[in-house]
Amino acid sequence: MAGGWTRDGAVGDQIEASIQDELARLKARPAPVGDGLTHCADCEEPIPEARRQAIPGVKLCRDCAAARDARPVARGGINRRGSKDSQLK
């Protein structure tokens, strides 16, 4: 079903293009390099050899990395509505 002046499937094509753009952006990021630590930087527990080989430059054990990823990240408020009044604040 097309809406307005778009052809059939245009919305799906746009979603697919957005996904492909994001994947290309992620693949273009530089991979971590350097020697990883043998012990976690946070808790000093040994980091398993398999994790060190899988993630070059790893500094945290799995538990500490999961705990750090679970913490909420403070993000700046971005006005997506485009209201002029809210942009002036």
N, C-alpha and C. Protein backbone atom coordinates (compact mmCIF):
# COMPACT_ATOMS: atom_id res chain seq x y z
N MET A 1 0.84 -1.18 0.00
CA MET A 1 0.00 0.00 0.00
C MET A 1 0.88 1.24 0.00
N ALA A 2 0.71 2.07 -0.98
CA ALA A 2 1.48 3.30 -1.07
C ALA A 2 0.70 4.43 -0.41
N GLY A 3 1.43 5.40 0.09
CA GLY A 3 0.78 6.55 0.70
C GLY A 3 1.25 7.82 0.01
N GLY A 4 0.32 8.66 -0.37
CA GLY A 4 0.67 9.92 -1.01
C GLY A 4 1.28 9.68 -2.39
N TRP A 5 2.46 10.26 -2.61
CA TRP A 5 3.10 10.19 -3.91
C TRP A 5 4.15 9.10 -4.00
N THR A 6 4.23 8.25 -3.00
CA THR A 6 5.24 7.20 -3.03
C THR A 6 4.74 5.98 -3.78
N ARG A 7 5.67 5.20 -4.26
CA ARG A 7 5.31 3.97 -4.95
C ARG A 7 5.10 2.86 -3.92
N ASP A 8 4.55 1.76 -4.35
CA ASP A 8 4.35 0.62 -3.45
C ASP A 8 5.71 0.10 -2.97
N GLY A 9 5.80 -0.14 -1.68
CA GLY A 9 7.03 -0.68 -1.10
C GLY A 9 8.08 0.36 -0.77
N ALA A 10 7.79 1.64 -0.93
CA ALA A 10 8.78 2.68 -0.68
C ALA A 10 9.16 2.75 0.80
N VAL A 11 8.20 2.54 1.68
CA VAL A 11 8.48 2.60 3.11
C VAL A 11 9.41 1.45 3.50
N GLY A 12 9.11 0.27 3.01
CA GLY A 12 9.96 -0.89 3.29
C GLY A 12 11.36 -0.70 2.74
N ASP A 13 11.46 -0.10 1.55
CA ASP A 13 12.78 0.17 0.96
C ASP A 13 13.56 1.16 1.80
N GLN A 14 12.87 2.18 2.34
CA GLN A 14 13.55 3.16 3.18
C GLN A 14 14.04 2.54 4.48
N ILE A 15 13.24 1.66 5.07
CA ILE A 15 13.65 0.97 6.29
C ILE A 15 14.87 0.10 6.00
N GLU A 16 14.83 -0.64 4.92
CA GLU A 16 15.96 -1.50 4.54
C GLU A 16 17.21 -0.67 4.28
N ALA A 17 17.07 0.48 3.62
CA ALA A 17 18.22 1.35 3.36
C ALA A 17 18.80 1.88 4.67
N SER A 18 17.94 2.23 5.61
CA SER A 18 18.42 2.72 6.91
C SER A 18 19.20 1.64 7.65
N ILE A 19 18.71 0.41 7.60
CA ILE A 19 19.40 -0.70 8.25
C ILE A 19 20.76 -0.93 7.59
N GLN A 20 20.81 -0.91 6.28
CA GLN A 20 22.07 -1.13 5.57
C GLN A 20 23.07 -0.01 5.87
N ASP A 21 22.59 1.24 5.97
CA ASP A 21 23.47 2.35 6.30
C ASP A 21 24.07 2.18 7.69
N GLU A 22 23.25 1.76 8.65
CA GLU A 22 23.74 1.56 10.01
C GLU A 22 24.74 0.42 10.08
N LEU A 23 24.48 -0.67 9.37
CA LEU A 23 25.42 -1.78 9.35
C LEU A 23 26.75 -1.36 8.72
N ALA A 24 26.70 -0.59 7.66
CA ALA A 24 27.94 -0.11 7.03
C ALA A 24 28.70 0.80 7.98
N ARG A 25 27.99 1.65 8.74
CA ARG A 25 28.64 2.53 9.70
C ARG A 25 29.33 1.72 10.80
N LEU A 26 28.66 0.68 11.29
CA LEU A 26 29.24 -0.15 12.33
C LEU A 26 30.46 -0.92 11.84
N LYS A 27 30.40 -1.40 10.61
CA LYS A 27 31.53 -2.15 10.05
C LYS A 27 32.72 -1.24 9.79
N ALA A 28 32.47 0.05 9.57
CA ALA A 28 33.55 0.99 9.28
C ALA A 28 34.29 1.45 10.53
N ARG A 29 33.72 1.18 11.71
CA ARG A 29 34.40 1.57 12.95
C ARG A 29 35.69 0.80 13.11
N PRO A 30 36.72 1.44 13.60
CA PRO A 30 37.98 0.72 13.79
C PRO A 30 37.85 -0.34 14.88
N ALA A 31 38.45 -1.47 14.64
CA ALA A 31 38.44 -2.56 15.63
C ALA A 31 39.42 -2.23 16.75
N PRO A 32 39.11 -2.66 17.97
CA PRO A 32 40.06 -2.41 19.06
C PRO A 32 41.39 -3.11 18.78
N VAL A 33 42.46 -2.45 19.12
CA VAL A 33 43.78 -3.01 18.91
C VAL A 33 44.56 -2.92 20.22
N GLY A 34 45.65 -3.60 20.26
CA GLY A 34 46.51 -3.54 21.43
C GLY A 34 46.31 -4.75 22.31
N ASP A 35 47.16 -4.84 23.29
CA ASP A 35 47.10 -5.96 24.21
C ASP A 35 46.00 -5.73 25.23
N GLY A 36 45.23 -6.77 25.44
CA GLY A 36 44.23 -6.72 26.49
C GLY A 36 44.86 -7.04 27.82
N LEU A 37 44.11 -6.87 28.86
CA LEU A 37 44.59 -7.17 30.19
C LEU A 37 44.34 -8.64 30.52
N THR A 38 45.16 -9.20 31.37
CA THR A 38 44.93 -10.57 31.81
C THR A 38 43.97 -10.60 32.99
N HIS A 39 43.85 -9.48 33.69
CA HIS A 39 42.93 -9.37 34.82
C HIS A 39 42.04 -8.14 34.62
N CYS A 40 40.82 -8.24 35.08
CA CYS A 40 39.82 -7.18 34.91
C CYS A 40 40.29 -5.88 35.55
N ALA A 41 40.05 -4.77 34.87
CA ALA A 41 40.45 -3.46 35.38
C ALA A 41 39.58 -3.03 36.56
N ASP A 42 38.38 -3.58 36.68
CA ASP A 42 37.47 -3.20 37.77
C ASP A 42 37.60 -4.10 38.98
N CYS A 43 37.52 -5.41 38.78
CA CYS A 43 37.44 -6.34 39.92
C CYS A 43 38.69 -7.19 40.11
N GLU A 44 39.65 -7.09 39.22
CA GLU A 44 40.92 -7.84 39.31
C GLU A 44 40.77 -9.35 39.15
N GLU A 45 39.61 -9.83 38.72
CA GLU A 45 39.44 -11.26 38.43
C GLU A 45 40.14 -11.57 37.10
N PRO A 46 40.64 -12.79 36.93
CA PRO A 46 41.29 -13.13 35.65
C PRO A 46 40.27 -13.13 34.49
N ILE A 47 40.72 -12.60 33.36
CA ILE A 47 39.87 -12.62 32.16
C ILE A 47 40.20 -13.89 31.40
N PRO A 48 39.18 -14.72 31.08
CA PRO A 48 39.44 -15.98 30.37
C PRO A 48 40.15 -15.75 29.03
N GLU A 49 41.01 -16.68 28.68
CA GLU A 49 41.78 -16.60 27.44
C GLU A 49 40.87 -16.50 26.22
N ALA A 50 39.76 -17.24 26.23
CA ALA A 50 38.84 -17.20 25.09
C ALA A 50 38.28 -15.79 24.89
N ARG A 51 37.97 -15.10 25.98
CA ARG A 51 37.45 -13.72 25.86
C ARG A 51 38.53 -12.79 25.34
N ARG A 52 39.76 -12.96 25.80
CA ARG A 52 40.86 -12.10 25.33
C ARG A 52 41.12 -12.31 23.85
N GLN A 53 40.96 -13.56 23.35
CA GLN A 53 41.17 -13.80 21.92
C GLN A 53 40.00 -13.29 21.10
N ALA A 54 38.78 -13.38 21.65
CA ALA A 54 37.60 -12.96 20.91
C ALA A 54 37.50 -11.44 20.80
N ILE A 55 37.95 -10.74 21.84
CA ILE A 55 37.83 -9.28 21.87
C ILE A 55 39.22 -8.69 22.07
N PRO A 56 39.90 -8.29 21.01
CA PRO A 56 41.23 -7.71 21.15
C PRO A 56 41.18 -6.44 21.99
N GLY A 57 42.12 -6.30 22.90
CA GLY A 57 42.18 -5.10 23.72
C GLY A 57 41.19 -5.08 24.87
N VAL A 58 40.62 -6.23 25.23
CA VAL A 58 39.60 -6.28 26.29
C VAL A 58 40.23 -5.87 27.63
N LYS A 59 39.47 -5.11 28.41
CA LYS A 59 39.97 -4.64 29.70
C LYS A 59 39.08 -5.08 30.86
N LEU A 60 37.86 -5.55 30.56
CA LEU A 60 36.91 -5.94 31.61
C LEU A 60 36.50 -7.39 31.46
N CYS A 61 36.22 -8.03 32.59
CA CYS A 61 35.66 -9.39 32.55
C CYS A 61 34.21 -9.29 32.09
N ARG A 62 33.62 -10.43 31.80
CA ARG A 62 32.26 -10.47 31.30
C ARG A 62 31.26 -9.85 32.27
N ASP A 63 31.39 -10.17 33.56
CA ASP A 63 30.45 -9.65 34.55
C ASP A 63 30.54 -8.14 34.68
N CYS A 64 31.74 -7.61 34.74
CA CYS A 64 31.92 -6.16 34.86
C CYS A 64 31.46 -5.44 33.59
N ALA A 65 31.71 -6.03 32.44
CA ALA A 65 31.27 -5.43 31.18
C ALA A 65 29.75 -5.41 31.11
N ALA A 66 29.10 -6.49 31.56
CA ALA A 66 27.63 -6.54 31.55
C ALA A 66 27.05 -5.52 32.53
N ALA A 67 27.69 -5.38 33.70
CA ALA A 67 27.22 -4.40 34.68
C ALA A 67 27.38 -2.98 34.15
N ARG A 68 28.49 -2.72 33.47
CA ARG A 68 28.71 -1.38 32.91
C ARG A 68 27.72 -1.10 31.78
N ASP A 69 27.43 -2.09 30.97
CA ASP A 69 26.48 -1.89 29.87
C ASP A 69 25.05 -1.70 30.38
N ALA A 70 24.74 -2.25 31.55
CA ALA A 70 23.38 -2.15 32.10
C ALA A 70 23.11 -0.80 32.75
N ARG A 71 24.17 -0.05 33.08
CA ARG A 71 23.98 1.25 33.71
C ARG A 71 23.33 2.22 32.73
N PRO A 72 22.41 3.04 33.22
CA PRO A 72 21.78 4.02 32.33
C PRO A 72 22.80 5.08 31.90
N VAL A 73 22.67 5.51 30.67
CA VAL A 73 23.57 6.51 30.12
C VAL A 73 22.82 7.83 30.03
N ALA A 74 23.39 8.86 30.63
CA ALA A 74 22.78 10.19 30.55
C ALA A 74 22.99 10.73 29.14
N ARG A 75 21.92 11.08 28.51
CA ARG A 75 21.99 11.60 27.15
C ARG A 75 21.40 13.00 27.11
N GLY A 76 21.91 13.80 26.23
CA GLY A 76 21.39 15.15 26.07
C GLY A 76 20.00 15.10 25.46
N GLY A 77 19.19 16.04 25.86
CA GLY A 77 17.83 16.09 25.32
C GLY A 77 17.84 16.63 23.91
N ILE A 78 17.41 15.83 22.99
CA ILE A 78 17.33 16.26 21.60
C ILE A 78 15.86 16.44 21.26
N ASN A 79 15.53 17.61 20.79
CA ASN A 79 14.16 17.91 20.43
C ASN A 79 13.86 17.32 19.06
N ARG A 80 13.04 16.29 19.04
CA ARG A 80 12.69 15.67 17.77
C ARG A 80 11.35 16.19 17.24
N ARG A 81 10.67 16.99 18.04
CA ARG A 81 9.38 17.49 17.59
C ARG A 81 9.53 18.66 16.63
N GLY A 82 10.58 19.41 16.78
CA GLY A 82 10.79 20.55 15.90
C GLY A 82 10.00 21.77 16.33
N SER A 83 9.52 21.80 17.56
CA SER A 83 8.78 22.94 18.05
C SER A 83 9.74 24.10 18.31
N LYS A 84 9.46 25.27 17.75
CA LYS A 84 10.34 26.40 17.92
C LYS A 84 10.44 26.80 19.39
N ASP A 85 9.36 26.73 20.13
CA ASP A 85 9.38 27.12 21.54
C ASP A 85 10.30 26.22 22.34
N SER A 86 10.27 24.92 22.09
CA SER A 86 11.11 24.02 22.87
C SER A 86 12.58 24.12 22.45
N GLN A 87 12.87 24.58 21.26
CA GLN A 87 14.25 24.75 20.83
C GLN A 87 14.89 25.99 21.42
N LEU A 88 14.10 26.96 21.82
CA LEU A 88 14.63 28.19 22.37
C LEU A 88 15.03 28.05 23.82
N LYS A 89 14.61 26.97 24.49
CA LYS A 89 14.91 26.80 25.91
C LYS A 89 16.31 26.35 26.13
